[in-house]
Amino acid sequence: MRTLNDYFLTAEIEDVSTASSTFVAVPDGGKIIKIITALQGAISGGNAAVSFEIATVAVTGGGITVAHSGSAAGDVDTATPTAANRVEEDGTIEMITDGGSTGTAKLLVTFVIRR
C-alpha cells in the first residue's frame, strides 16, 4: 500500500547489455522500499545483473537479474531492499549493470522511496 510519504524516481540505463554505471539524483531523503525495472527490448546471450549502491555501499536485497531467456520489451522485475537503503536529500543512487547480456536494450528503473 502506498502512502503520501512515498515518492517515485524513474531513471534509465541506456543499454543493460553494456557494463556501465549511471547515477540518479535524489531530491528528498528516505528509504528505498522497492525497485521496479521495465525492459525496453529483448536481450540474449546471458542474464544482465543490475545492482544499486548508495555512497559506494551496495543496497542489501536490491539486486535484480534481467533474464535473457524469453525476454521481451515490457518484462518487469522487482526487488525489495532490506538494508543499506537510506538515501539522503541531494544524494545519488548508483545503478550498475554487469553487461552480462547481448543485444542493445534500455532498462527503465523506478525507485519507490518512503520519506
PDB file of N, CA and C in Angstrom:
ATOM      1  N   MET A   1       0.847  -1.179   0.000  1.00  0.00           N
ATOM      2  CA  MET A   1       0.000   0.000   0.000  1.00  0.00           C
ATOM      3  C   MET A   1       0.894   1.245   0.000  1.00  0.00           C
ATOM      4  N   ARG A   2       0.626   2.151  -0.874  1.00  0.00           N
ATOM      5  CA  ARG A   2       1.386   3.397  -0.966  1.00  0.00           C
ATOM      6  C   ARG A   2       0.776   4.436  -0.031  1.00  0.00           C
ATOM      7  N   THR A   3       1.639   5.268   0.510  1.00  0.00           N
ATOM      8  CA  THR A   3       1.190   6.342   1.387  1.00  0.00           C
ATOM      9  C   THR A   3       1.588   7.676   0.770  1.00  0.00           C
ATOM     10  N   LEU A   4       1.125   8.753   1.350  1.00  0.00           N
ATOM     11  CA  LEU A   4       1.504  10.080   0.879  1.00  0.00           C
ATOM     12  C   LEU A   4       2.983  10.351   1.149  1.00  0.00           C
ATOM     13  N   ASN A   5       3.612   9.506   1.951  1.00  0.00           N
ATOM     14  CA  ASN A   5       5.026   9.657   2.236  1.00  0.00           C
ATOM     15  C   ASN A   5       5.921   8.996   1.196  1.00  0.00           C
ATOM     16  N   ASP A   6       5.328   8.312   0.221  1.00  0.00           N
ATOM     17  CA  ASP A   6       6.103   7.658  -0.838  1.00  0.00           C
ATOM     18  C   ASP A   6       6.258   8.587  -2.020  1.00  0.00           C
ATOM     19  N   TYR A   7       7.428   8.532  -2.639  1.00  0.00           N
ATOM     20  CA  TYR A   7       7.615   9.217  -3.914  1.00  0.00           C
ATOM     21  C   TYR A   7       8.402   8.303  -4.833  1.00  0.00           C
ATOM     22  N   PHE A   8       8.436   8.643  -6.106  1.00  0.00           N
ATOM     23  CA  PHE A   8       8.986   7.759  -7.122  1.00  0.00           C
ATOM     24  C   PHE A   8      10.041   8.482  -7.947  1.00  0.00           C
ATOM     25  N   LEU A   9      11.156   7.800  -8.178  1.00  0.00           N
ATOM     26  CA  LEU A   9      12.193   8.289  -9.083  1.00  0.00           C
ATOM     27  C   LEU A   9      12.275   7.302 -10.233  1.00  0.00           C
ATOM     28  N   THR A  10      12.288   7.814 -11.443  1.00  0.00           N
ATOM     29  CA  THR A  10      12.458   6.945 -12.606  1.00  0.00           C
ATOM     30  C   THR A  10      13.726   7.354 -13.326  1.00  0.00           C
ATOM     31  N   ALA A  11      14.522   6.350 -13.671  1.00  0.00           N
ATOM     32  CA  ALA A  11      15.800   6.578 -14.339  1.00  0.00           C
ATOM     33  C   ALA A  11      15.958   5.556 -15.453  1.00  0.00           C
ATOM     34  N   GLU A  12      17.008   5.738 -16.246  1.00  0.00           N
ATOM     35  CA  GLU A  12      17.217   4.872 -17.401  1.00  0.00           C
ATOM     36  C   GLU A  12      18.660   4.398 -17.477  1.00  0.00           C
ATOM     37  N   ILE A  13      18.809   3.105 -17.709  1.00  0.00           N
ATOM     38  CA  ILE A  13      20.097   2.554 -18.080  1.00  0.00           C
ATOM     39  C   ILE A  13      20.046   2.450 -19.598  1.00  0.00           C
ATOM     40  N   GLU A  14      20.907   3.193 -20.264  1.00  0.00           N
ATOM     41  CA  GLU A  14      20.864   3.306 -21.731  1.00  0.00           C
ATOM     42  C   GLU A  14      20.957   1.957 -22.422  1.00  0.00           C
ATOM     43  N   ASP A  15      21.844   1.080 -21.960  1.00  0.00           N
ATOM     44  CA  ASP A  15      21.993  -0.250 -22.558  1.00  0.00           C
ATOM     45  C   ASP A  15      22.360  -1.232 -21.462  1.00  0.00           C
ATOM     46  N   VAL A  16      21.403  -2.056 -21.046  1.00  0.00           N
ATOM     47  CA  VAL A  16      21.617  -3.007 -19.963  1.00  0.00           C
ATOM     48  C   VAL A  16      22.671  -4.053 -20.329  1.00  0.00           C
ATOM     49  N   SER A  17      22.949  -4.219 -21.628  1.00  0.00           N
ATOM     50  CA  SER A  17      23.918  -5.215 -22.088  1.00  0.00           C
ATOM     51  C   SER A  17      25.352  -4.697 -22.129  1.00  0.00           C
ATOM     52  N   THR A  18      25.569  -3.454 -21.791  1.00  0.00           N
ATOM     53  CA  THR A  18      26.914  -2.884 -21.737  1.00  0.00           C
ATOM     54  C   THR A  18      27.251  -2.568 -20.286  1.00  0.00           C
ATOM     55  N   ALA A  19      28.336  -3.123 -19.789  1.00  0.00           N
ATOM     56  CA  ALA A  19      28.752  -2.855 -18.409  1.00  0.00           C
ATOM     57  C   ALA A  19      28.884  -1.345 -18.222  1.00  0.00           C
ATOM     58  N   SER A  20      28.172  -0.815 -17.238  1.00  0.00           N
ATOM     59  CA  SER A  20      28.198   0.627 -17.025  1.00  0.00           C
ATOM     60  C   SER A  20      27.677   0.973 -15.639  1.00  0.00           C
ATOM     61  N   SER A  21      27.826   2.235 -15.314  1.00  0.00           N
ATOM     62  CA  SER A  21      27.368   2.785 -14.053  1.00  0.00           C
ATOM     63  C   SER A  21      26.665   4.108 -14.357  1.00  0.00           C
ATOM     64  N   THR A  22      25.472   4.282 -13.830  1.00  0.00           N
ATOM     65  CA  THR A  22      24.689   5.501 -14.044  1.00  0.00           C
ATOM     66  C   THR A  22      24.199   6.001 -12.690  1.00  0.00           C
ATOM     67  N   PHE A  23      24.274   7.316 -12.480  1.00  0.00           N
ATOM     68  CA  PHE A  23      23.860   7.897 -11.208  1.00  0.00           C
ATOM     69  C   PHE A  23      22.520   8.612 -11.348  1.00  0.00           C
ATOM     70  N   VAL A  24      21.704   8.494 -10.295  1.00  0.00           N
ATOM     71  CA  VAL A  24      20.395   9.133 -10.233  1.00  0.00           C
ATOM     72  C   VAL A  24      20.407  10.104  -9.061  1.00  0.00           C
ATOM     73  N   ALA A  25      20.032  11.353  -9.295  1.00  0.00           N
ATOM     74  CA  ALA A  25      19.968  12.357  -8.228  1.00  0.00           C
ATOM     75  C   ALA A  25      18.731  12.113  -7.364  1.00  0.00           C
ATOM     76  N   VAL A  26      18.899  12.295  -6.054  1.00  0.00           N
ATOM     77  CA  VAL A  26      17.823  12.072  -5.090  1.00  0.00           C
ATOM     78  C   VAL A  26      17.349  13.430  -4.565  1.00  0.00           C
ATOM     79  N   PRO A  27      16.055  13.777  -4.763  1.00  0.00           N
ATOM     80  CA  PRO A  27      15.575  15.091  -4.348  1.00  0.00           C
ATOM     81  C   PRO A  27      15.178  15.191  -2.875  1.00  0.00           C
ATOM     82  N   ASP A  28      14.925  14.038  -2.218  1.00  0.00           N
ATOM     83  CA  ASP A  28      14.443  14.071  -0.842  1.00  0.00           C
ATOM     84  C   ASP A  28      14.880  12.782  -0.147  1.00  0.00           C
ATOM     85  N   GLY A  29      15.193  12.852   1.114  1.00  0.00           N
ATOM     86  CA  GLY A  29      15.658  11.689   1.852  1.00  0.00           C
ATOM     87  C   GLY A  29      14.568  10.674   2.116  1.00  0.00           C
ATOM     88  N   GLY A  30      14.986   9.462   2.427  1.00  0.00           N
ATOM     89  CA  GLY A  30      14.054   8.387   2.760  1.00  0.00           C
ATOM     90  C   GLY A  30      14.703   7.038   2.564  1.00  0.00           C
ATOM     91  N   LYS A  31      13.882   5.988   2.571  1.00  0.00           N
ATOM     92  CA  LYS A  31      14.370   4.630   2.350  1.00  0.00           C
ATOM     93  C   LYS A  31      13.791   4.084   1.058  1.00  0.00           C
ATOM     94  N   ILE A  32      14.650   3.449   0.274  1.00  0.00           N
ATOM     95  CA  ILE A  32      14.168   2.759  -0.929  1.00  0.00           C
ATOM     96  C   ILE A  32      13.430   1.515  -0.446  1.00  0.00           C
ATOM     97  N   ILE A  33      12.140   1.419  -0.742  1.00  0.00           N
ATOM     98  CA  ILE A  33      11.366   0.267  -0.284  1.00  0.00           C
ATOM     99  C   ILE A  33      11.073  -0.719  -1.413  1.00  0.00           C
ATOM    100  N   LYS A  34      11.251  -0.278  -2.662  1.00  0.00           N
ATOM    101  CA  LYS A  34      11.035  -1.178  -3.795  1.00  0.00           C
ATOM    102  C   LYS A  34      11.766  -0.616  -5.011  1.00  0.00           C
ATOM    103  N   ILE A  35      12.276  -1.539  -5.833  1.00  0.00           N
ATOM    104  CA  ILE A  35      12.904  -1.180  -7.103  1.00  0.00           C
ATOM    105  C   ILE A  35      12.185  -1.982  -8.179  1.00  0.00           C
ATOM    106  N   ILE A  36      11.746  -1.301  -9.223  1.00  0.00           N
ATOM    107  CA  ILE A  36      11.000  -1.939 -10.306  1.00  0.00           C
ATOM    108  C   ILE A  36      11.692  -1.606 -11.620  1.00  0.00           C
ATOM    109  N   THR A  37      11.935  -2.610 -12.454  1.00  0.00           N
ATOM    110  CA  THR A  37      12.549  -2.361 -13.756  1.00  0.00           C
ATOM    111  C   THR A  37      11.615  -2.793 -14.865  1.00  0.00           C
ATOM    112  N   ALA A  38      11.735  -2.116 -16.009  1.00  0.00           N
ATOM    113  CA  ALA A  38      10.964  -2.474 -17.206  1.00  0.00           C
ATOM    114  C   ALA A  38      11.923  -2.499 -18.386  1.00  0.00           C
ATOM    115  N   LEU A  39      12.084  -3.661 -18.983  1.00  0.00           N
ATOM    116  CA  LEU A  39      12.972  -3.849 -20.125  1.00  0.00           C
ATOM    117  C   LEU A  39      12.321  -3.283 -21.383  1.00  0.00           C
ATOM    118  N   GLN A  40      13.111  -2.623 -22.214  1.00  0.00           N
ATOM    119  CA  GLN A  40      12.570  -1.955 -23.402  1.00  0.00           C
ATOM    120  C   GLN A  40      12.806  -2.723 -24.696  1.00  0.00           C
ATOM    121  N   GLY A  41      13.422  -3.913 -24.616  1.00  0.00           N
ATOM    122  CA  GLY A  41      13.655  -4.743 -25.797  1.00  0.00           C
ATOM    123  C   GLY A  41      14.275  -6.054 -25.358  1.00  0.00           C
ATOM    124  N   ALA A  42      14.277  -7.033 -26.234  1.00  0.00           N
ATOM    125  CA  ALA A  42      14.824  -8.353 -25.898  1.00  0.00           C
ATOM    126  C   ALA A  42      16.342  -8.298 -25.748  1.00  0.00           C
ATOM    127  N   ILE A  43      16.854  -9.139 -24.840  1.00  0.00           N
ATOM    128  CA  ILE A  43      18.298  -9.330 -24.702  1.00  0.00           C
ATOM    129  C   ILE A  43      18.587 -10.810 -24.935  1.00  0.00           C
ATOM    130  N   SER A  44      19.855 -11.141 -25.162  1.00  0.00           N
ATOM    131  CA  SER A  44      20.217 -12.531 -25.409  1.00  0.00           C
ATOM    132  C   SER A  44      21.602 -12.809 -24.851  1.00  0.00           C
ATOM    133  N   GLY A  45      22.077 -14.023 -25.019  1.00  0.00           N
ATOM    134  CA  GLY A  45      23.450 -14.372 -24.672  1.00  0.00           C
ATOM    135  C   GLY A  45      23.719 -14.629 -23.207  1.00  0.00           C
ATOM    136  N   GLY A  46      22.942 -14.106 -22.328  1.00  0.00           N
ATOM    137  CA  GLY A  46      23.131 -14.281 -20.885  1.00  0.00           C
ATOM    138  C   GLY A  46      22.273 -13.294 -20.126  1.00  0.00           C
ATOM    139  N   ASN A  47      22.147 -13.505 -18.844  1.00  0.00           N
ATOM    140  CA  ASN A  47      21.372 -12.597 -17.999  1.00  0.00           C
ATOM    141  C   ASN A  47      22.160 -11.322 -17.728  1.00  0.00           C
ATOM    142  N   ALA A  48      21.457 -10.238 -17.490  1.00  0.00           N
ATOM    143  CA  ALA A  48      22.075  -8.975 -17.082  1.00  0.00           C
ATOM    144  C   ALA A  48      21.816  -8.800 -15.589  1.00  0.00           C
ATOM    145  N   ALA A  49      22.883  -8.657 -14.824  1.00  0.00           N
ATOM    146  CA  ALA A  49      22.754  -8.412 -13.382  1.00  0.00           C
ATOM    147  C   ALA A  49      22.840  -6.909 -13.137  1.00  0.00           C
ATOM    148  N   VAL A  50      21.867  -6.381 -12.404  1.00  0.00           N
ATOM    149  CA  VAL A  50      21.833  -4.955 -12.092  1.00  0.00           C
ATOM    150  C   VAL A  50      21.861  -4.811 -10.576  1.00  0.00           C
ATOM    151  N   SER A  51      22.793  -3.991 -10.102  1.00  0.00           N
ATOM    152  CA  SER A  51      22.895  -3.736  -8.670  1.00  0.00           C
ATOM    153  C   SER A  51      22.796  -2.239  -8.423  1.00  0.00           C
ATOM    154  N   PHE A  52      22.619  -1.887  -7.163  1.00  0.00           N
ATOM    155  CA  PHE A  52      22.413  -0.495  -6.791  1.00  0.00           C
ATOM    156  C   PHE A  52      23.262  -0.179  -5.569  1.00  0.00           C
ATOM    157  N   GLU A  53      23.864   1.020  -5.572  1.00  0.00           N
ATOM    158  CA  GLU A  53      24.700   1.444  -4.458  1.00  0.00           C
ATOM    159  C   GLU A  53      24.349   2.864  -4.038  1.00  0.00           C
ATOM    160  N   ILE A  54      24.517   3.102  -2.746  1.00  0.00           N
ATOM    161  CA  ILE A  54      24.372   4.436  -2.176  1.00  0.00           C
ATOM    162  C   ILE A  54      25.699   4.743  -1.493  1.00  0.00           C
ATOM    163  N   ALA A  55      26.395   5.768  -1.961  1.00  0.00           N
ATOM    164  CA  ALA A  55      27.699   6.154  -1.406  1.00  0.00           C
ATOM    165  C   ALA A  55      28.657   4.963  -1.364  1.00  0.00           C
ATOM    166  N   THR A  56      28.747   4.250  -2.458  1.00  0.00           N
ATOM    167  CA  THR A  56      29.615   3.080  -2.683  1.00  0.00           C
ATOM    168  C   THR A  56      29.249   1.848  -1.860  1.00  0.00           C
ATOM    169  N   VAL A  57      28.101   1.857  -1.183  1.00  0.00           N
ATOM    170  CA  VAL A  57      27.655   0.709  -0.397  1.00  0.00           C
ATOM    171  C   VAL A  57      26.473   0.056  -1.115  1.00  0.00           C
ATOM    172  N   ALA A  58      26.574  -1.249  -1.350  1.00  0.00           N
ATOM    173  CA  ALA A  58      25.508  -1.975  -2.050  1.00  0.00           C
ATOM    174  C   ALA A  58      24.220  -1.962  -1.243  1.00  0.00           C
ATOM    175  N   VAL A  59      23.106  -1.755  -1.935  1.00  0.00           N
ATOM    176  CA  VAL A  59      21.782  -1.814  -1.321  1.00  0.00           C
ATOM    177  C   VAL A  59      21.470  -3.294  -1.076  1.00  0.00           C
ATOM    178  N   THR A  60      21.290  -3.674   0.185  1.00  0.00           N
ATOM    179  CA  THR A  60      21.014  -5.064   0.541  1.00  0.00           C
ATOM    180  C   THR A  60      19.647  -5.483   0.016  1.00  0.00           C
ATOM    181  N   GLY A  61      19.608  -6.588  -0.713  1.00  0.00           N
ATOM    182  CA  GLY A  61      18.347  -7.083  -1.263  1.00  0.00           C
ATOM    183  C   GLY A  61      17.877  -6.306  -2.472  1.00  0.00           C
ATOM    184  N   GLY A  62      18.750  -5.475  -3.040  1.00  0.00           N
ATOM    185  CA  GLY A  62      18.351  -4.622  -4.154  1.00  0.00           C
ATOM    186  C   GLY A  62      18.758  -5.130  -5.521  1.00  0.00           C
ATOM    187  N   GLY A  63      19.459  -6.253  -5.586  1.00  0.00           N
ATOM    188  CA  GLY A  63      19.911  -6.741  -6.885  1.00  0.00           C
ATOM    189  C   GLY A  63      18.778  -7.286  -7.742  1.00  0.00           C
ATOM    190  N   ILE A  64      18.899  -7.066  -9.035  1.00  0.00           N
ATOM    191  CA  ILE A  64      17.899  -7.557  -9.985  1.00  0.00           C
ATOM    192  C   ILE A  64      18.609  -8.310 -11.103  1.00  0.00           C
ATOM    193  N   THR A  65      18.068  -9.466 -11.466  1.00  0.00           N
ATOM    194  CA  THR A  65      18.562 -10.217 -12.614  1.00  0.00           C
ATOM    195  C   THR A  65      17.536 -10.086 -13.727  1.00  0.00           C
ATOM    196  N   VAL A  66      17.979  -9.536 -14.850  1.00  0.00           N
ATOM    197  CA  VAL A  66      17.119  -9.425 -16.027  1.00  0.00           C
ATOM    198  C   VAL A  66      17.425 -10.657 -16.876  1.00  0.00           C
ATOM    199  N   ALA A  67      16.501 -11.582 -16.919  1.00  0.00           N
ATOM    200  CA  ALA A  67      16.717 -12.851 -17.619  1.00  0.00           C
ATOM    201  C   ALA A  67      16.681 -12.664 -19.125  1.00  0.00           C
ATOM    202  N   HIS A  68      17.604 -13.333 -19.804  1.00  0.00           N
ATOM    203  CA  HIS A  68      17.627 -13.244 -21.270  1.00  0.00           C
ATOM    204  C   HIS A  68      16.668 -14.247 -21.902  1.00  0.00           C
ATOM    205  N   SER A  69      16.453 -15.391 -21.265  1.00  0.00           N
ATOM    206  CA  SER A  69      15.595 -16.424 -21.832  1.00  0.00           C
ATOM    207  C   SER A  69      14.147 -15.938 -21.913  1.00  0.00           C
ATOM    208  N   GLY A  70      13.633 -15.837 -23.116  1.00  0.00           N
ATOM    209  CA  GLY A  70      12.262 -15.383 -23.323  1.00  0.00           C
ATOM    210  C   GLY A  70      12.055 -13.900 -23.085  1.00  0.00           C
ATOM    211  N   SER A  71      13.139 -13.132 -23.009  1.00  0.00           N
ATOM    212  CA  SER A  71      12.996 -11.703 -22.723  1.00  0.00           C
ATOM    213  C   SER A  71      12.311 -10.970 -23.861  1.00  0.00           C
ATOM    214  N   ALA A  72      11.615  -9.915 -23.495  1.00  0.00           N
ATOM    215  CA  ALA A  72      10.902  -9.090 -24.474  1.00  0.00           C
ATOM    216  C   ALA A  72      10.659  -7.715 -23.873  1.00  0.00           C
ATOM    217  N   ALA A  73      10.394  -6.768 -24.734  1.00  0.00           N
ATOM    218  CA  ALA A  73      10.036  -5.436 -24.268  1.00  0.00           C
ATOM    219  C   ALA A  73       8.851  -5.545 -23.319  1.00  0.00           C
ATOM    220  N   GLY A  74       8.942  -4.849 -22.209  1.00  0.00           N
ATOM    221  CA  GLY A  74       7.857  -4.845 -21.239  1.00  0.00           C
ATOM    222  C   GLY A  74       8.058  -5.801 -20.080  1.00  0.00           C
ATOM    223  N   ASP A  75       9.114  -6.626 -20.117  1.00  0.00           N
ATOM    224  CA  ASP A  75       9.386  -7.514 -18.983  1.00  0.00           C
ATOM    225  C   ASP A  75       9.678  -6.678 -17.738  1.00  0.00           C
ATOM    226  N   VAL A  76       9.076  -7.072 -16.614  1.00  0.00           N
ATOM    227  CA  VAL A  76       9.221  -6.346 -15.361  1.00  0.00           C
ATOM    228  C   VAL A  76       9.892  -7.243 -14.326  1.00  0.00           C
ATOM    229  N   ASP A  77      10.851  -6.683 -13.607  1.00  0.00           N
ATOM    230  CA  ASP A  77      11.498  -7.360 -12.485  1.00  0.00           C
ATOM    231  C   ASP A  77      11.461  -6.416 -11.285  1.00  0.00           C
ATOM    232  N   THR A  78      11.446  -6.988 -10.083  1.00  0.00           N
ATOM    233  CA  THR A  78      11.385  -6.155  -8.882  1.00  0.00           C
ATOM    234  C   THR A  78      12.355  -6.654  -7.811  1.00  0.00           C
ATOM    235  N   ALA A  79      12.680  -5.773  -6.896  1.00  0.00           N
ATOM    236  CA  ALA A  79      13.472  -6.107  -5.719  1.00  0.00           C
ATOM    237  C   ALA A  79      12.934  -5.304  -4.547  1.00  0.00           C
ATOM    238  N   THR A  80      13.049  -5.882  -3.353  1.00  0.00           N
ATOM    239  CA  THR A  80      12.625  -5.211  -2.134  1.00  0.00           C
ATOM    240  C   THR A  80      13.835  -5.102  -1.201  1.00  0.00           C
ATOM    241  N   PRO A  81      14.493  -3.951  -1.204  1.00  0.00           N
ATOM    242  CA  PRO A  81      15.675  -3.771  -0.356  1.00  0.00           C
ATOM    243  C   PRO A  81      15.348  -3.966   1.125  1.00  0.00           C
ATOM    244  N   THR A  82      16.322  -4.534   1.849  1.00  0.00           N
ATOM    245  CA  THR A  82      16.114  -4.828   3.265  1.00  0.00           C
ATOM    246  C   THR A  82      17.040  -4.047   4.196  1.00  0.00           C
ATOM    247  N   ALA A  83      18.141  -3.512   3.653  1.00  0.00           N
ATOM    248  CA  ALA A  83      19.089  -2.740   4.477  1.00  0.00           C
ATOM    249  C   ALA A  83      19.986  -1.922   3.555  1.00  0.00           C
ATOM    250  N   ALA A  84      20.750  -1.013   4.139  1.00  0.00           N
ATOM    251  CA  ALA A  84      21.641  -0.113   3.391  1.00  0.00           C
ATOM    252  C   ALA A  84      20.873   0.583   2.273  1.00  0.00           C
ATOM    253  N   ASN A  85      19.626   0.970   2.565  1.00  0.00           N
ATOM    254  CA  ASN A  85      18.737   1.544   1.554  1.00  0.00           C
ATOM    255  C   ASN A  85      18.302   2.975   1.875  1.00  0.00           C
ATOM    256  N   ARG A  86      18.972   3.630   2.790  1.00  0.00           N
ATOM    257  CA  ARG A  86      18.657   5.013   3.161  1.00  0.00           C
ATOM    258  C   ARG A  86      19.331   5.976   2.183  1.00  0.00           C
ATOM    259  N   VAL A  87      18.538   6.864   1.583  1.00  0.00           N
ATOM    260  CA  VAL A  87      19.072   7.893   0.691  1.00  0.00           C
ATOM    261  C   VAL A  87      18.897   9.252   1.357  1.00  0.00           C
ATOM    262  N   GLU A  88      19.815  10.141   1.063  1.00  0.00           N
ATOM    263  CA  GLU A  88      19.766  11.482   1.639  1.00  0.00           C
ATOM    264  C   GLU A  88      19.424  12.505   0.562  1.00  0.00           C
ATOM    265  N   GLU A  89      18.777  13.574   0.970  1.00  0.00           N
ATOM    266  CA  GLU A  89      18.468  14.671   0.055  1.00  0.00           C
ATOM    267  C   GLU A  89      19.750  15.141  -0.627  1.00  0.00           C
ATOM    268  N   ASP A  90      19.666  15.367  -1.927  1.00  0.00           N
ATOM    269  CA  ASP A  90      20.785  15.805  -2.771  1.00  0.00           C
ATOM    270  C   ASP A  90      21.882  14.745  -2.903  1.00  0.00           C
ATOM    271  N   GLY A  91      21.567  13.509  -2.569  1.00  0.00           N
ATOM    272  CA  GLY A  91      22.499  12.405  -2.761  1.00  0.00           C
ATOM    273  C   GLY A  91      22.262  11.746  -4.114  1.00  0.00           C
ATOM    274  N   THR A  92      22.862  10.575  -4.290  1.00  0.00           N
ATOM    275  CA  THR A  92      22.679   9.824  -5.534  1.00  0.00           C
ATOM    276  C   THR A  92      22.499   8.342  -5.240  1.00  0.00           C
ATOM    277  N   ILE A  93      21.884   7.675  -6.205  1.00  0.00           N
ATOM    278  CA  ILE A  93      21.805   6.219  -6.241  1.00  0.00           C
ATOM    279  C   ILE A  93      22.566   5.798  -7.492  1.00  0.00           C
ATOM    280  N   GLU A  94      23.480   4.850  -7.343  1.00  0.00           N
ATOM    281  CA  GLU A  94      24.226   4.366  -8.488  1.00  0.00           C
ATOM    282  C   GLU A  94      23.585   3.077  -8.995  1.00  0.00           C
ATOM    283  N   MET A  95      23.328   3.027 -10.292  1.00  0.00           N
ATOM    284  CA  MET A  95      22.782   1.844 -10.949  1.00  0.00           C
ATOM    285  C   MET A  95      23.929   1.203 -11.740  1.00  0.00           C
ATOM    286  N   ILE A  96      24.199  -0.059 -11.485  1.00  0.00           N
ATOM    287  CA  ILE A  96      25.343  -0.734 -12.096  1.00  0.00           C
ATOM    288  C   ILE A  96      24.863  -1.978 -12.835  1.00  0.00           C
ATOM    289  N   THR A  97      25.191  -2.070 -14.117  1.00  0.00           N
ATOM    290  CA  THR A  97      24.893  -3.285 -14.869  1.00  0.00           C
ATOM    291  C   THR A  97      26.203  -3.972 -15.223  1.00  0.00           C
ATOM    292  N   ASP A  98      26.181  -5.303 -15.150  1.00  0.00           N
ATOM    293  CA  ASP A  98      27.410  -6.063 -15.401  1.00  0.00           C
ATOM    294  C   ASP A  98      27.668  -6.328 -16.882  1.00  0.00           C
ATOM    295  N   GLY A  99      26.703  -6.004 -17.751  1.00  0.00           N
ATOM    296  CA  GLY A  99      26.892  -6.222 -19.177  1.00  0.00           C
ATOM    297  C   GLY A  99      26.917  -7.692 -19.551  1.00  0.00           C
ATOM    298  N   GLY A 100      26.281  -8.541 -18.757  1.00  0.00           N
ATOM    299  CA  GLY A 100      26.307  -9.981 -19.000  1.00  0.00           C
ATOM    300  C   GLY A 100      25.481 -10.462 -20.172  1.00  0.00           C
ATOM    301  N   SER A 101      24.662  -9.595 -20.730  1.00  0.00           N
ATOM    302  CA  SER A 101      23.813  -9.977 -21.859  1.00  0.00           C
ATOM    303  C   SER A 101      24.323  -9.339 -23.142  1.00  0.00           C
ATOM    304  N   THR A 102      23.695  -9.699 -24.251  1.00  0.00           N
ATOM    305  CA  THR A 102      23.974  -9.069 -25.538  1.00  0.00           C
ATOM    306  C   THR A 102      22.663  -8.554 -26.103  1.00  0.00           C
ATOM    307  N   GLY A 103      22.771  -7.679 -27.086  1.00  0.00           N
ATOM    308  CA  GLY A 103      21.581  -7.051 -27.656  1.00  0.00           C
ATOM    309  C   GLY A 103      21.302  -5.760 -26.928  1.00  0.00           C
ATOM    310  N   THR A 104      21.327  -4.668 -27.646  1.00  0.00           N
ATOM    311  CA  THR A 104      21.114  -3.350 -27.040  1.00  0.00           C
ATOM    312  C   THR A 104      19.671  -3.204 -26.584  1.00  0.00           C
ATOM    313  N   ALA A 105      19.480  -2.891 -25.303  1.00  0.00           N
ATOM    314  CA  ALA A 105      18.133  -2.674 -24.779  1.00  0.00           C
ATOM    315  C   ALA A 105      18.203  -1.716 -23.594  1.00  0.00           C
ATOM    316  N   LYS A 106      17.331  -0.722 -23.600  1.00  0.00           N
ATOM    317  CA  LYS A 106      17.217   0.186 -22.457  1.00  0.00           C
ATOM    318  C   LYS A 106      16.518  -0.535 -21.315  1.00  0.00           C
ATOM    319  N   LEU A 107      16.829  -0.093 -20.098  1.00  0.00           N
ATOM    320  CA  LEU A 107      16.153  -0.596 -18.918  1.00  0.00           C
ATOM    321  C   LEU A 107      15.692   0.605 -18.108  1.00  0.00           C
ATOM    322  N   LEU A 108      14.379   0.736 -17.942  1.00  0.00           N
ATOM    323  CA  LEU A 108      13.843   1.803 -17.106  1.00  0.00           C
ATOM    324  C   LEU A 108      13.757   1.290 -15.673  1.00  0.00           C
ATOM    325  N   VAL A 109      14.162   2.121 -14.735  1.00  0.00           N
ATOM    326  CA  VAL A 109      14.205   1.737 -13.323  1.00  0.00           C
ATOM    327  C   VAL A 109      13.388   2.739 -12.530  1.00  0.00           C
ATOM    328  N   THR A 110      12.479   2.226 -11.703  1.00  0.00           N
ATOM    329  CA  THR A 110      11.685   3.076 -10.817  1.00  0.00           C
ATOM    330  C   THR A 110      12.019   2.718  -9.383  1.00  0.00           C
ATOM    331  N   PHE A 111      12.351   3.732  -8.595  1.00  0.00           N
ATOM    332  CA  PHE A 111      12.621   3.566  -7.175  1.00  0.00           C
ATOM    333  C   PHE A 111      11.418   4.098  -6.410  1.00  0.00           C
ATOM    334  N   VAL A 112      10.889   3.296  -5.494  1.00  0.00           N
ATOM    335  CA  VAL A 112       9.846   3.746  -4.588  1.00  0.00           C
ATOM    336  C   VAL A 112      10.557   4.104  -3.284  1.00  0.00           C
ATOM    337  N   ILE A 113      10.467   5.384  -2.901  1.00  0.00           N
ATOM    338  CA  ILE A 113      11.172   5.872  -1.724  1.00  0.00           C
ATOM    339  C   ILE A 113      10.152   6.381  -0.707  1.00  0.00           C
ATOM    340  N   ARG A 114      10.294   5.894   0.518  1.00  0.00           N
ATOM    341  CA  ARG A 114       9.399   6.313   1.605  1.00  0.00           C
ATOM    342  C   ARG A 114      10.127   7.294   2.505  1.00  0.00           C
ATOM    343  N   ARG A 115       9.548   8.490   2.633  1.00  0.00           N
ATOM    344  CA  ARG A 115      10.135   9.537   3.487  1.00  0.00           C
ATOM    345  C   ARG A 115      10.027   9.160   4.942  1.00  0.00           C
TER     346      ARG A 115
END
